[in-house]
């Protein structure tokens, strides 16, 4: 009888050790800074910002500044935009980008002071193209409903960050906004 109990105990013990080993490997990967976290550091600094919005019959341009800093022990980048609209309304935006080790995807959370819209995107980094690609939803203000949206973040050159935002209406992607950020310490 005690031999059967010992065999059962040994079996449970071996399963627990295997499970614990998987837990250790998971936590080492999940809690260790890696290449995905390091990608976010390229956004840090102070930037001069120009934004173009493309509407149906008009274009609008906004200028300002963006300051980006790493949070949570270099795991999250927070981009704070302070912008000046033509109508002199205060316009602030916040982009928060991080890497989710469980889903193996980047996330992007956008808040702004004009519409109070919360946007949440999931994304990937294309090593070959050197660009982030995020997908999520935006709001079609005319139809007052959520529509698919895509965002691309890439560097045209070392000190020039470009963010392009596309909406997908009836299966067609349309560029609705282009943000160009020039790193301030490289301005002459």
Foldseek 3Di string as FASTA:
>chain_A
DVVVVVVVVVVVVVVVVVVVVVVVVLCCQQVDDDPQLVLLVLPAAKWWKKKWFDDPPDIFIKTFMWHWDADDVSFKIKIWTFIAGPVRDTKIKIWIWGAHSVVRWIKIWMAMDPPRDIWIWTWDADPVVRKIKTKTWDADVVVGDIFIKMWIWHAPDSFKIKIWIWTADPNDTDTGMIMIIGHVVPDD
